[in-house]
Amino acid sequence: MTEIEKMHAGKIYNPMIEEIMEPQLKCIERLAAFNATLPSEMDKRTALLREMLAECGENCYVEPPFRANWGGLHVHFGDAVYANFNLTCVDDADIYVGSHTMIGPNVTICTASHPLSPALREKGLQYNRPVRIGENVWIGAGAIILPGVTIGDRSVVGAGSLVLRDVPPDVVVVGSPARIIRSVDGRAHDEPET
C-alpha cells in the first residue's frame, strides 16, 4: 500500500514524502491565489473555489483568508455553503459539508491526527479520519471539530465548542467538550420572532 493509499484509508502514514508533498504544494499555491483576491474579484474568487475544492455546489461563499492543508482538495461543499473569515480545514482526509450550512469565523475542522506513541510521533507519522457535516448546520465562531466526527442535519454547534464526538440531527451542542443542551425545536429566549 502506498503512502497516498494509507492516507485515504485511515492508516498511519508518512506525510513528508515527495509523493505527497509535491501535489500538496500545488494545491496550497492555488489556495494562496484565492486568498490574494480582492473583494471586487468575486467571479475570480468563485472560479478558484470551484478549482480548489473536491466539490463545490451552487452559491457557495468562503470569506478569505481560508486555510487548508491540501488547499481544499478534499473538501466537499453542497449548495449555498457559507464560511466566514479564517476557516481552517485540515483536509488530509475528506471533509463533507452539506447544503445551506453556515460556518462562523475562526472555525477549525480537523481530519488529521497523530499517534499517541512518542516513537511514531518522533517519525512525523499521522493518520486521518473524514469529517461529515450535515445539511443546514450552523457552526458558531471559533468551534473546533475533531477527526472522524459526524454532525447531523439542522444541528447547531455553539461558538467556541470543541466537538469530540458525533452530534445527532436537530440539537444544539455547546462547550468543551461539546454536549447537547437542547433540541432545535422551539425558539430560544433571545431569538427574535419571525
N, C-alpha and C. Protein backbone atom coordinates (compact mmCIF):
# COMPACT_ATOMS: atom_id res chain seq x y z
N MET A 1 0.85 -1.18 0.00
CA MET A 1 0.00 0.00 0.00
C MET A 1 0.90 1.24 0.00
N THR A 2 0.64 2.18 -0.91
CA THR A 2 1.44 3.40 -0.96
C THR A 2 1.05 4.33 0.19
N GLU A 3 1.89 5.34 0.42
CA GLU A 3 1.60 6.30 1.48
C GLU A 3 0.32 7.08 1.17
N ILE A 4 0.08 7.40 -0.11
CA ILE A 4 -1.18 8.08 -0.50
C ILE A 4 -2.37 7.19 -0.20
N GLU A 5 -2.27 5.91 -0.51
CA GLU A 5 -3.37 4.97 -0.22
C GLU A 5 -3.60 4.87 1.28
N LYS A 6 -2.52 4.82 2.05
CA LYS A 6 -2.65 4.79 3.52
C LYS A 6 -3.33 6.06 4.02
N MET A 7 -2.96 7.19 3.43
CA MET A 7 -3.51 8.49 3.82
C MET A 7 -5.04 8.49 3.71
N HIS A 8 -5.55 7.88 2.65
CA HIS A 8 -7.01 7.87 2.41
C HIS A 8 -7.72 6.68 3.06
N ALA A 9 -6.94 5.74 3.60
CA ALA A 9 -7.54 4.55 4.21
C ALA A 9 -7.54 4.61 5.73
N GLY A 10 -7.13 5.74 6.31
CA GLY A 10 -7.12 5.87 7.76
C GLY A 10 -5.98 5.15 8.43
N LYS A 11 -4.96 4.79 7.66
CA LYS A 11 -3.78 4.09 8.20
C LYS A 11 -2.71 5.12 8.61
N ILE A 12 -1.79 4.71 9.45
CA ILE A 12 -0.66 5.56 9.80
C ILE A 12 0.26 5.65 8.59
N TYR A 13 0.67 6.87 8.25
CA TYR A 13 1.49 7.08 7.06
C TYR A 13 2.46 8.24 7.29
N ASN A 14 3.38 8.39 6.34
CA ASN A 14 4.38 9.45 6.40
C ASN A 14 3.95 10.58 5.46
N PRO A 15 3.52 11.74 6.00
CA PRO A 15 3.08 12.85 5.14
C PRO A 15 4.22 13.67 4.54
N MET A 16 5.46 13.34 4.88
CA MET A 16 6.60 14.17 4.48
C MET A 16 7.34 13.63 3.26
N ILE A 17 6.76 12.69 2.54
CA ILE A 17 7.44 12.15 1.36
C ILE A 17 7.05 12.95 0.12
N GLU A 18 7.90 12.91 -0.89
CA GLU A 18 7.69 13.71 -2.11
C GLU A 18 6.38 13.37 -2.82
N GLU A 19 6.00 12.10 -2.81
CA GLU A 19 4.76 11.64 -3.43
C GLU A 19 3.54 12.42 -2.89
N ILE A 20 3.63 12.86 -1.66
CA ILE A 20 2.55 13.62 -1.02
C ILE A 20 2.84 15.11 -1.08
N MET A 21 4.04 15.51 -0.76
CA MET A 21 4.35 16.94 -0.63
C MET A 21 4.29 17.69 -1.97
N GLU A 22 4.68 17.06 -3.07
CA GLU A 22 4.69 17.75 -4.36
C GLU A 22 3.29 18.16 -4.82
N PRO A 23 2.30 17.24 -4.86
CA PRO A 23 0.95 17.69 -5.25
C PRO A 23 0.31 18.62 -4.20
N GLN A 24 0.66 18.41 -2.95
CA GLN A 24 0.12 19.26 -1.89
C GLN A 24 0.57 20.70 -2.07
N LEU A 25 1.82 20.91 -2.44
CA LEU A 25 2.35 22.25 -2.67
C LEU A 25 1.57 22.97 -3.77
N LYS A 26 1.24 22.27 -4.84
CA LYS A 26 0.46 22.88 -5.93
C LYS A 26 -0.92 23.32 -5.44
N CYS A 27 -1.52 22.51 -4.60
CA CYS A 27 -2.83 22.86 -4.05
C CYS A 27 -2.75 24.09 -3.15
N ILE A 28 -1.71 24.15 -2.33
CA ILE A 28 -1.54 25.28 -1.42
C ILE A 28 -1.26 26.57 -2.19
N GLU A 29 -0.55 26.47 -3.30
CA GLU A 29 -0.29 27.66 -4.12
C GLU A 29 -1.58 28.20 -4.74
N ARG A 30 -2.47 27.32 -5.16
CA ARG A 30 -3.76 27.76 -5.70
C ARG A 30 -4.58 28.43 -4.60
N LEU A 31 -4.50 27.89 -3.39
CA LEU A 31 -5.17 28.50 -2.24
C LEU A 31 -4.62 29.90 -1.97
N ALA A 32 -3.31 30.07 -2.11
CA ALA A 32 -2.71 31.40 -1.92
C ALA A 32 -3.26 32.39 -2.93
N ALA A 33 -3.49 31.94 -4.16
CA ALA A 33 -4.08 32.82 -5.19
C ALA A 33 -5.50 33.21 -4.79
N PHE A 34 -6.27 32.27 -4.25
CA PHE A 34 -7.63 32.56 -3.77
C PHE A 34 -7.59 33.61 -2.67
N ASN A 35 -6.70 33.42 -1.70
CA ASN A 35 -6.61 34.35 -0.57
C ASN A 35 -6.13 35.74 -0.99
N ALA A 36 -5.47 35.84 -2.13
CA ALA A 36 -4.97 37.13 -2.61
C ALA A 36 -5.98 37.90 -3.45
N THR A 37 -7.16 37.32 -3.69
CA THR A 37 -8.16 38.03 -4.49
C THR A 37 -8.69 39.25 -3.75
N LEU A 38 -9.06 40.24 -4.53
CA LEU A 38 -9.67 41.46 -3.98
C LEU A 38 -11.16 41.24 -3.77
N PRO A 39 -11.78 41.96 -2.86
CA PRO A 39 -13.22 41.84 -2.66
C PRO A 39 -14.03 42.07 -3.94
N SER A 40 -13.51 42.89 -4.85
CA SER A 40 -14.22 43.17 -6.10
C SER A 40 -14.08 42.04 -7.13
N GLU A 41 -13.21 41.07 -6.85
CA GLU A 41 -12.95 39.98 -7.80
C GLU A 41 -13.78 38.73 -7.47
N MET A 42 -15.09 38.91 -7.31
CA MET A 42 -15.96 37.81 -6.90
C MET A 42 -15.98 36.68 -7.93
N ASP A 43 -16.00 37.00 -9.21
CA ASP A 43 -16.03 35.95 -10.23
C ASP A 43 -14.75 35.12 -10.17
N LYS A 44 -13.61 35.78 -10.03
CA LYS A 44 -12.33 35.08 -9.93
C LYS A 44 -12.30 34.21 -8.68
N ARG A 45 -12.78 34.76 -7.58
CA ARG A 45 -12.80 34.04 -6.30
C ARG A 45 -13.66 32.77 -6.42
N THR A 46 -14.83 32.90 -7.05
CA THR A 46 -15.72 31.76 -7.23
C THR A 46 -15.09 30.71 -8.13
N ALA A 47 -14.46 31.14 -9.21
CA ALA A 47 -13.80 30.20 -10.13
C ALA A 47 -12.68 29.45 -9.42
N LEU A 48 -11.87 30.15 -8.64
CA LEU A 48 -10.79 29.49 -7.91
C LEU A 48 -11.33 28.50 -6.88
N LEU A 49 -12.41 28.87 -6.20
CA LEU A 49 -13.01 27.98 -5.22
C LEU A 49 -13.46 26.68 -5.89
N ARG A 50 -14.06 26.80 -7.06
CA ARG A 50 -14.52 25.61 -7.80
C ARG A 50 -13.34 24.74 -8.24
N GLU A 51 -12.20 25.37 -8.56
CA GLU A 51 -11.00 24.61 -8.93
C GLU A 51 -10.37 23.93 -7.72
N MET A 52 -10.40 24.61 -6.58
CA MET A 52 -9.71 24.14 -5.38
C MET A 52 -10.42 22.97 -4.70
N LEU A 53 -11.74 23.07 -4.58
CA LEU A 53 -12.48 22.10 -3.78
C LEU A 53 -12.77 20.82 -4.57
N ALA A 54 -12.90 19.72 -3.85
CA ALA A 54 -13.28 18.45 -4.47
C ALA A 54 -14.67 18.58 -5.10
N GLU A 55 -15.57 19.25 -4.41
CA GLU A 55 -16.92 19.54 -4.89
C GLU A 55 -17.32 20.91 -4.36
N CYS A 56 -17.99 21.67 -5.20
CA CYS A 56 -18.47 22.98 -4.79
C CYS A 56 -19.82 23.21 -5.45
N GLY A 57 -20.87 23.16 -4.65
CA GLY A 57 -22.22 23.36 -5.17
C GLY A 57 -22.46 24.81 -5.59
N GLU A 58 -23.67 25.11 -5.92
CA GLU A 58 -24.07 26.45 -6.34
C GLU A 58 -24.12 27.41 -5.15
N ASN A 59 -23.76 28.66 -5.42
CA ASN A 59 -23.91 29.75 -4.44
C ASN A 59 -23.14 29.53 -3.14
N CYS A 60 -21.95 28.97 -3.24
CA CYS A 60 -21.09 28.82 -2.06
C CYS A 60 -20.22 30.07 -1.94
N TYR A 61 -19.90 30.41 -0.70
CA TYR A 61 -19.05 31.58 -0.47
C TYR A 61 -18.12 31.29 0.70
N VAL A 62 -16.83 31.51 0.48
CA VAL A 62 -15.83 31.39 1.54
C VAL A 62 -15.12 32.74 1.62
N GLU A 63 -15.17 33.35 2.78
CA GLU A 63 -14.53 34.64 3.00
C GLU A 63 -13.04 34.42 3.27
N PRO A 64 -12.14 34.98 2.46
CA PRO A 64 -10.71 34.84 2.76
C PRO A 64 -10.36 35.55 4.07
N PRO A 65 -9.32 35.12 4.75
CA PRO A 65 -8.46 34.01 4.36
C PRO A 65 -9.05 32.66 4.72
N PHE A 66 -8.73 31.71 3.88
CA PHE A 66 -9.13 30.31 4.03
C PHE A 66 -7.83 29.52 4.13
N ARG A 67 -7.75 28.59 5.06
CA ARG A 67 -6.55 27.77 5.24
C ARG A 67 -6.92 26.30 5.08
N ALA A 68 -6.09 25.56 4.38
CA ALA A 68 -6.33 24.13 4.21
C ALA A 68 -5.02 23.43 3.85
N ASN A 69 -4.76 22.32 4.51
CA ASN A 69 -3.53 21.56 4.27
C ASN A 69 -3.36 21.19 2.80
N TRP A 70 -4.44 20.84 2.17
CA TRP A 70 -4.43 20.45 0.76
C TRP A 70 -5.16 21.48 -0.10
N GLY A 71 -5.25 22.71 0.38
CA GLY A 71 -5.86 23.77 -0.40
C GLY A 71 -7.32 23.53 -0.73
N GLY A 72 -7.97 22.65 0.02
CA GLY A 72 -9.38 22.35 -0.21
C GLY A 72 -9.62 21.16 -1.11
N LEU A 73 -8.57 20.48 -1.55
CA LEU A 73 -8.69 19.36 -2.48
C LEU A 73 -9.60 18.25 -1.97
N HIS A 74 -9.68 18.10 -0.65
CA HIS A 74 -10.51 17.03 -0.07
C HIS A 74 -11.75 17.58 0.64
N VAL A 75 -12.14 18.81 0.27
CA VAL A 75 -13.32 19.46 0.86
C VAL A 75 -14.47 19.40 -0.13
N HIS A 76 -15.63 18.94 0.34
CA HIS A 76 -16.81 18.77 -0.49
C HIS A 76 -17.92 19.67 0.06
N PHE A 77 -18.35 20.65 -0.72
CA PHE A 77 -19.42 21.57 -0.31
C PHE A 77 -20.68 21.27 -1.11
N GLY A 78 -21.82 21.21 -0.42
CA GLY A 78 -23.11 21.17 -1.09
C GLY A 78 -23.44 22.57 -1.61
N ASP A 79 -24.71 22.87 -1.83
CA ASP A 79 -25.14 24.19 -2.31
C ASP A 79 -25.24 25.18 -1.15
N ALA A 80 -24.97 26.44 -1.46
CA ALA A 80 -25.21 27.56 -0.54
C ALA A 80 -24.50 27.39 0.81
N VAL A 81 -23.27 26.89 0.78
CA VAL A 81 -22.45 26.82 1.99
C VAL A 81 -21.78 28.18 2.17
N TYR A 82 -21.83 28.71 3.38
CA TYR A 82 -21.20 29.98 3.69
C TYR A 82 -20.16 29.76 4.79
N ALA A 83 -18.94 30.23 4.55
CA ALA A 83 -17.88 30.15 5.56
C ALA A 83 -17.28 31.54 5.76
N ASN A 84 -17.27 32.00 6.99
CA ASN A 84 -16.75 33.31 7.32
C ASN A 84 -15.22 33.27 7.40
N PHE A 85 -14.60 34.41 7.79
CA PHE A 85 -13.14 34.56 7.84
C PHE A 85 -12.46 33.42 8.60
N ASN A 86 -11.27 33.06 8.12
CA ASN A 86 -10.35 32.16 8.84
C ASN A 86 -10.85 30.74 9.03
N LEU A 87 -11.61 30.22 8.07
CA LEU A 87 -11.93 28.80 8.12
C LEU A 87 -10.63 28.02 7.90
N THR A 88 -10.35 27.09 8.80
CA THR A 88 -9.19 26.22 8.65
C THR A 88 -9.68 24.79 8.49
N CYS A 89 -9.34 24.18 7.36
CA CYS A 89 -9.69 22.79 7.09
C CYS A 89 -8.41 21.98 7.02
N VAL A 90 -8.18 21.15 8.01
CA VAL A 90 -7.06 20.23 7.97
C VAL A 90 -7.56 19.06 7.13
N ASP A 91 -7.47 19.25 5.80
CA ASP A 91 -8.15 18.37 4.85
C ASP A 91 -7.25 17.27 4.30
N ASP A 92 -6.54 16.58 5.19
CA ASP A 92 -5.75 15.43 4.77
C ASP A 92 -6.66 14.25 4.43
N ALA A 93 -7.88 14.26 4.92
CA ALA A 93 -8.93 13.32 4.53
C ALA A 93 -10.13 14.16 4.10
N ASP A 94 -11.18 13.51 3.65
CA ASP A 94 -12.35 14.23 3.13
C ASP A 94 -13.13 14.93 4.24
N ILE A 95 -13.58 16.13 3.91
CA ILE A 95 -14.48 16.92 4.74
C ILE A 95 -15.73 17.17 3.89
N TYR A 96 -16.87 16.69 4.36
CA TYR A 96 -18.13 16.86 3.64
C TYR A 96 -18.98 17.88 4.39
N VAL A 97 -19.45 18.91 3.69
CA VAL A 97 -20.28 19.95 4.29
C VAL A 97 -21.57 20.02 3.48
N GLY A 98 -22.71 19.76 4.12
CA GLY A 98 -23.99 19.73 3.44
C GLY A 98 -24.50 21.10 3.05
N SER A 99 -25.46 21.10 2.15
CA SER A 99 -26.05 22.33 1.64
C SER A 99 -26.64 23.19 2.75
N HIS A 100 -26.58 24.50 2.55
CA HIS A 100 -27.18 25.52 3.44
C HIS A 100 -26.55 25.55 4.83
N THR A 101 -25.31 25.09 4.91
CA THR A 101 -24.59 25.12 6.19
C THR A 101 -23.85 26.45 6.31
N MET A 102 -23.85 27.01 7.51
CA MET A 102 -23.16 28.27 7.80
C MET A 102 -22.05 27.99 8.80
N ILE A 103 -20.86 28.53 8.47
CA ILE A 103 -19.68 28.33 9.32
C ILE A 103 -19.18 29.69 9.76
N GLY A 104 -19.13 29.90 11.07
CA GLY A 104 -18.70 31.18 11.62
C GLY A 104 -17.21 31.42 11.46
N PRO A 105 -16.74 32.60 11.86
CA PRO A 105 -15.30 32.91 11.75
C PRO A 105 -14.46 32.05 12.68
N ASN A 106 -13.22 31.81 12.25
CA ASN A 106 -12.22 31.11 13.07
C ASN A 106 -12.59 29.69 13.45
N VAL A 107 -13.31 29.01 12.57
CA VAL A 107 -13.66 27.60 12.79
C VAL A 107 -12.54 26.72 12.25
N THR A 108 -12.25 25.64 12.97
CA THR A 108 -11.26 24.65 12.53
C THR A 108 -11.92 23.29 12.41
N ILE A 109 -11.72 22.66 11.26
CA ILE A 109 -12.23 21.31 11.01
C ILE A 109 -11.02 20.44 10.73
N CYS A 110 -10.77 19.46 11.61
CA CYS A 110 -9.56 18.64 11.53
C CYS A 110 -9.89 17.21 11.10
N THR A 111 -9.13 16.69 10.14
CA THR A 111 -9.23 15.27 9.80
C THR A 111 -7.98 14.51 10.20
N ALA A 112 -6.88 15.21 10.43
CA ALA A 112 -5.60 14.56 10.72
C ALA A 112 -5.36 14.45 12.22
N SER A 113 -4.69 13.37 12.60
CA SER A 113 -4.31 13.16 13.98
C SER A 113 -2.95 12.48 14.00
N HIS A 114 -2.36 12.46 15.17
CA HIS A 114 -1.04 11.86 15.33
C HIS A 114 -1.12 10.74 16.36
N PRO A 115 -0.32 9.71 16.19
CA PRO A 115 -0.35 8.58 17.12
C PRO A 115 0.00 9.00 18.55
N LEU A 116 -0.51 8.28 19.52
CA LEU A 116 -0.15 8.53 20.92
C LEU A 116 1.27 8.10 21.21
N SER A 117 1.77 7.14 20.46
CA SER A 117 3.12 6.63 20.68
C SER A 117 4.16 7.71 20.37
N PRO A 118 4.99 8.07 21.37
CA PRO A 118 6.03 9.06 21.11
C PRO A 118 6.99 8.62 20.00
N ALA A 119 7.29 7.33 19.91
CA ALA A 119 8.22 6.84 18.88
C ALA A 119 7.66 7.08 17.48
N LEU A 120 6.34 6.89 17.29
CA LEU A 120 5.73 7.13 15.99
C LEU A 120 5.64 8.63 15.70
N ARG A 121 5.30 9.43 16.73
CA ARG A 121 5.24 10.88 16.53
C ARG A 121 6.61 11.44 16.17
N GLU A 122 7.65 10.90 16.78
CA GLU A 122 9.02 11.34 16.51
C GLU A 122 9.37 11.16 15.03
N LYS A 123 8.76 10.17 14.39
CA LYS A 123 8.98 9.92 12.97
C LYS A 123 8.10 10.81 12.08
N GLY A 124 7.23 11.64 12.70
CA GLY A 124 6.37 12.55 11.93
C GLY A 124 5.17 11.88 11.29
N LEU A 125 4.78 10.72 11.79
CA LEU A 125 3.67 9.97 11.19
C LEU A 125 2.32 10.50 11.66
N GLN A 126 1.31 10.24 10.86
CA GLN A 126 -0.05 10.66 11.21
C GLN A 126 -1.05 9.70 10.59
N TYR A 127 -2.33 9.90 10.94
CA TYR A 127 -3.43 9.17 10.32
C TYR A 127 -4.61 10.13 10.23
N ASN A 128 -5.60 9.78 9.40
CA ASN A 128 -6.70 10.69 9.12
C ASN A 128 -8.05 10.01 9.27
N ARG A 129 -9.06 10.80 9.64
CA ARG A 129 -10.44 10.35 9.70
C ARG A 129 -11.32 11.44 9.06
N PRO A 130 -12.20 11.07 8.13
CA PRO A 130 -13.05 12.07 7.49
C PRO A 130 -14.03 12.72 8.48
N VAL A 131 -14.48 13.92 8.14
CA VAL A 131 -15.48 14.65 8.91
C VAL A 131 -16.69 14.86 8.02
N ARG A 132 -17.88 14.66 8.58
CA ARG A 132 -19.12 14.84 7.84
C ARG A 132 -20.02 15.82 8.59
N ILE A 133 -20.38 16.89 7.90
CA ILE A 133 -21.27 17.91 8.47
C ILE A 133 -22.53 17.90 7.62
N GLY A 134 -23.68 17.75 8.24
CA GLY A 134 -24.94 17.61 7.52
C GLY A 134 -25.42 18.89 6.87
N GLU A 135 -26.66 18.85 6.42
CA GLU A 135 -27.29 20.00 5.77
C GLU A 135 -27.90 20.95 6.80
N ASN A 136 -27.86 22.24 6.45
CA ASN A 136 -28.48 23.28 7.26
C ASN A 136 -27.97 23.28 8.70
N VAL A 137 -26.66 23.09 8.82
CA VAL A 137 -25.99 23.12 10.13
C VAL A 137 -25.42 24.52 10.33
N TRP A 138 -25.37 24.98 11.56
CA TRP A 138 -24.75 26.25 11.89
C TRP A 138 -23.62 25.96 12.87
N ILE A 139 -22.41 26.34 12.48
CA ILE A 139 -21.24 26.14 13.34
C ILE A 139 -20.78 27.52 13.79
N GLY A 140 -20.84 27.76 15.09
CA GLY A 140 -20.52 29.07 15.65
C GLY A 140 -19.04 29.39 15.62
N ALA A 141 -18.75 30.66 15.79
CA ALA A 141 -17.38 31.19 15.74
C ALA A 141 -16.45 30.44 16.68
N GLY A 142 -15.26 30.12 16.17
CA GLY A 142 -14.23 29.53 16.99
C GLY A 142 -14.43 28.07 17.36
N ALA A 143 -15.41 27.40 16.79
CA ALA A 143 -15.62 25.99 17.09
C ALA A 143 -14.50 25.16 16.47
N ILE A 144 -14.23 24.02 17.11
CA ILE A 144 -13.22 23.08 16.61
C ILE A 144 -13.89 21.72 16.48
N ILE A 145 -13.77 21.13 15.30
CA ILE A 145 -14.37 19.82 15.02
C ILE A 145 -13.21 18.85 14.77
N LEU A 146 -13.16 17.78 15.55
CA LEU A 146 -12.03 16.86 15.51
C LEU A 146 -12.25 15.71 14.52
N PRO A 147 -11.18 14.96 14.19
CA PRO A 147 -11.25 13.90 13.19
C PRO A 147 -12.33 12.86 13.47
N GLY A 148 -12.98 12.43 12.40
CA GLY A 148 -13.94 11.35 12.48
C GLY A 148 -15.33 11.74 12.92
N VAL A 149 -15.56 13.02 13.23
CA VAL A 149 -16.86 13.47 13.75
C VAL A 149 -17.88 13.61 12.62
N THR A 150 -19.13 13.25 12.93
CA THR A 150 -20.27 13.50 12.05
C THR A 150 -21.23 14.40 12.80
N ILE A 151 -21.68 15.47 12.14
CA ILE A 151 -22.66 16.39 12.72
C ILE A 151 -23.94 16.25 11.91
N GLY A 152 -25.04 15.93 12.59
CA GLY A 152 -26.30 15.67 11.92
C GLY A 152 -26.96 16.92 11.35
N ASP A 153 -27.86 16.69 10.42
CA ASP A 153 -28.61 17.77 9.76
C ASP A 153 -29.29 18.68 10.78
N ARG A 154 -29.29 19.96 10.46
CA ARG A 154 -30.02 21.01 11.18
C ARG A 154 -29.50 21.28 12.59
N SER A 155 -28.38 20.71 12.97
CA SER A 155 -27.86 20.94 14.31
C SER A 155 -27.07 22.24 14.37
N VAL A 156 -26.85 22.72 15.59
CA VAL A 156 -26.11 23.95 15.85
C VAL A 156 -24.96 23.62 16.80
N VAL A 157 -23.76 24.08 16.42
CA VAL A 157 -22.59 23.94 17.28
C VAL A 157 -22.27 25.33 17.82
N GLY A 158 -22.38 25.50 19.12
CA GLY A 158 -22.18 26.80 19.74
C GLY A 158 -20.76 27.32 19.58
N ALA A 159 -20.64 28.64 19.61
CA ALA A 159 -19.33 29.30 19.47
C ALA A 159 -18.35 28.77 20.50
N GLY A 160 -17.12 28.51 20.05
CA GLY A 160 -16.06 28.07 20.93
C GLY A 160 -16.13 26.62 21.37
N SER A 161 -17.06 25.86 20.82
CA SER A 161 -17.22 24.46 21.24
C SER A 161 -16.13 23.57 20.65
N LEU A 162 -15.80 22.52 21.39
CA LEU A 162 -14.85 21.50 20.95
C LEU A 162 -15.64 20.22 20.73
N VAL A 163 -15.80 19.84 19.45
CA VAL A 163 -16.64 18.70 19.10
C VAL A 163 -15.76 17.46 18.96
N LEU A 164 -15.85 16.57 19.95
CA LEU A 164 -15.05 15.35 20.01
C LEU A 164 -15.80 14.14 19.51
N ARG A 165 -17.14 14.19 19.59
CA ARG A 165 -17.99 13.04 19.27
C ARG A 165 -19.08 13.45 18.29
N ASP A 166 -19.69 12.44 17.69
CA ASP A 166 -20.78 12.69 16.75
C ASP A 166 -21.90 13.48 17.41
N VAL A 167 -22.54 14.31 16.59
CA VAL A 167 -23.66 15.13 17.03
C VAL A 167 -24.89 14.67 16.26
N PRO A 168 -25.98 14.28 16.94
CA PRO A 168 -27.16 13.84 16.22
C PRO A 168 -27.85 15.01 15.51
N PRO A 169 -28.80 14.73 14.62
CA PRO A 169 -29.55 15.81 13.97
C PRO A 169 -30.40 16.59 14.98
N ASP A 170 -30.68 17.84 14.64
CA ASP A 170 -31.69 18.65 15.34
C ASP A 170 -31.39 18.96 16.80
N VAL A 171 -30.10 19.14 17.13
CA VAL A 171 -29.76 19.50 18.51
C VAL A 171 -28.81 20.70 18.52
N VAL A 172 -28.70 21.32 19.68
CA VAL A 172 -27.72 22.37 19.92
C VAL A 172 -26.67 21.80 20.87
N VAL A 173 -25.40 21.91 20.48
CA VAL A 173 -24.31 21.46 21.36
C VAL A 173 -23.42 22.66 21.69
N VAL A 174 -22.93 22.70 22.91
CA VAL A 174 -22.01 23.76 23.34
C VAL A 174 -21.00 23.17 24.31
N GLY A 175 -19.87 23.85 24.44
CA GLY A 175 -18.92 23.52 25.48
C GLY A 175 -17.67 22.82 24.99
N SER A 176 -16.81 22.53 25.98
CA SER A 176 -15.55 21.85 25.70
C SER A 176 -15.36 20.77 26.75
N PRO A 177 -15.70 19.53 26.44
CA PRO A 177 -16.19 19.04 25.16
C PRO A 177 -17.66 19.41 24.94
N ALA A 178 -18.04 19.47 23.67
CA ALA A 178 -19.42 19.84 23.33
C ALA A 178 -20.40 18.79 23.85
N ARG A 179 -21.51 19.29 24.39
CA ARG A 179 -22.57 18.40 24.87
C ARG A 179 -23.91 18.98 24.45
N ILE A 180 -24.89 18.13 24.32
CA ILE A 180 -26.23 18.56 23.91
C ILE A 180 -26.87 19.35 25.05
N ILE A 181 -27.39 20.55 24.71
CA ILE A 181 -28.10 21.33 25.74
C ILE A 181 -29.59 21.43 25.45
N ARG A 182 -29.99 21.20 24.20
CA ARG A 182 -31.42 21.26 23.86
C ARG A 182 -31.62 20.81 22.43
N SER A 183 -32.85 20.66 22.03
CA SER A 183 -33.17 20.39 20.63
C SER A 183 -33.32 21.74 19.92
N VAL A 184 -33.35 21.72 18.61
CA VAL A 184 -33.53 22.97 17.87
C VAL A 184 -35.00 23.33 17.73
N ASP A 185 -35.91 22.48 18.21
CA ASP A 185 -37.34 22.80 18.15
C ASP A 185 -37.64 23.95 19.10
N GLY A 186 -38.49 24.84 18.68
CA GLY A 186 -38.83 25.97 19.53
C GLY A 186 -37.84 27.10 19.40
N ARG A 187 -38.18 28.22 19.95
CA ARG A 187 -37.39 29.44 19.83
C ARG A 187 -36.60 29.67 21.11
N ALA A 188 -35.32 29.97 20.94
CA ALA A 188 -34.51 30.31 22.11
C ALA A 188 -34.99 31.63 22.71
N HIS A 189 -34.71 31.86 23.98
CA HIS A 189 -35.23 33.05 24.67
C HIS A 189 -34.72 34.35 24.08
N ASP A 190 -33.56 34.35 23.42
CA ASP A 190 -33.03 35.60 22.86
C ASP A 190 -33.17 35.69 21.34
N GLU A 191 -33.90 34.75 20.75
CA GLU A 191 -34.07 34.76 19.30
C GLU A 191 -35.26 35.63 18.92
N PRO A 192 -35.10 36.54 17.94
CA PRO A 192 -36.22 37.38 17.55
C PRO A 192 -37.36 36.57 16.91
N GLU A 193 -38.55 37.08 17.05
CA GLU A 193 -39.69 36.43 16.40
C GLU A 193 -39.66 36.68 14.91
N THR A 194 -40.22 35.72 14.13
CA THR A 194 -40.26 35.89 12.68
C THR A 194 -41.54 36.56 12.26
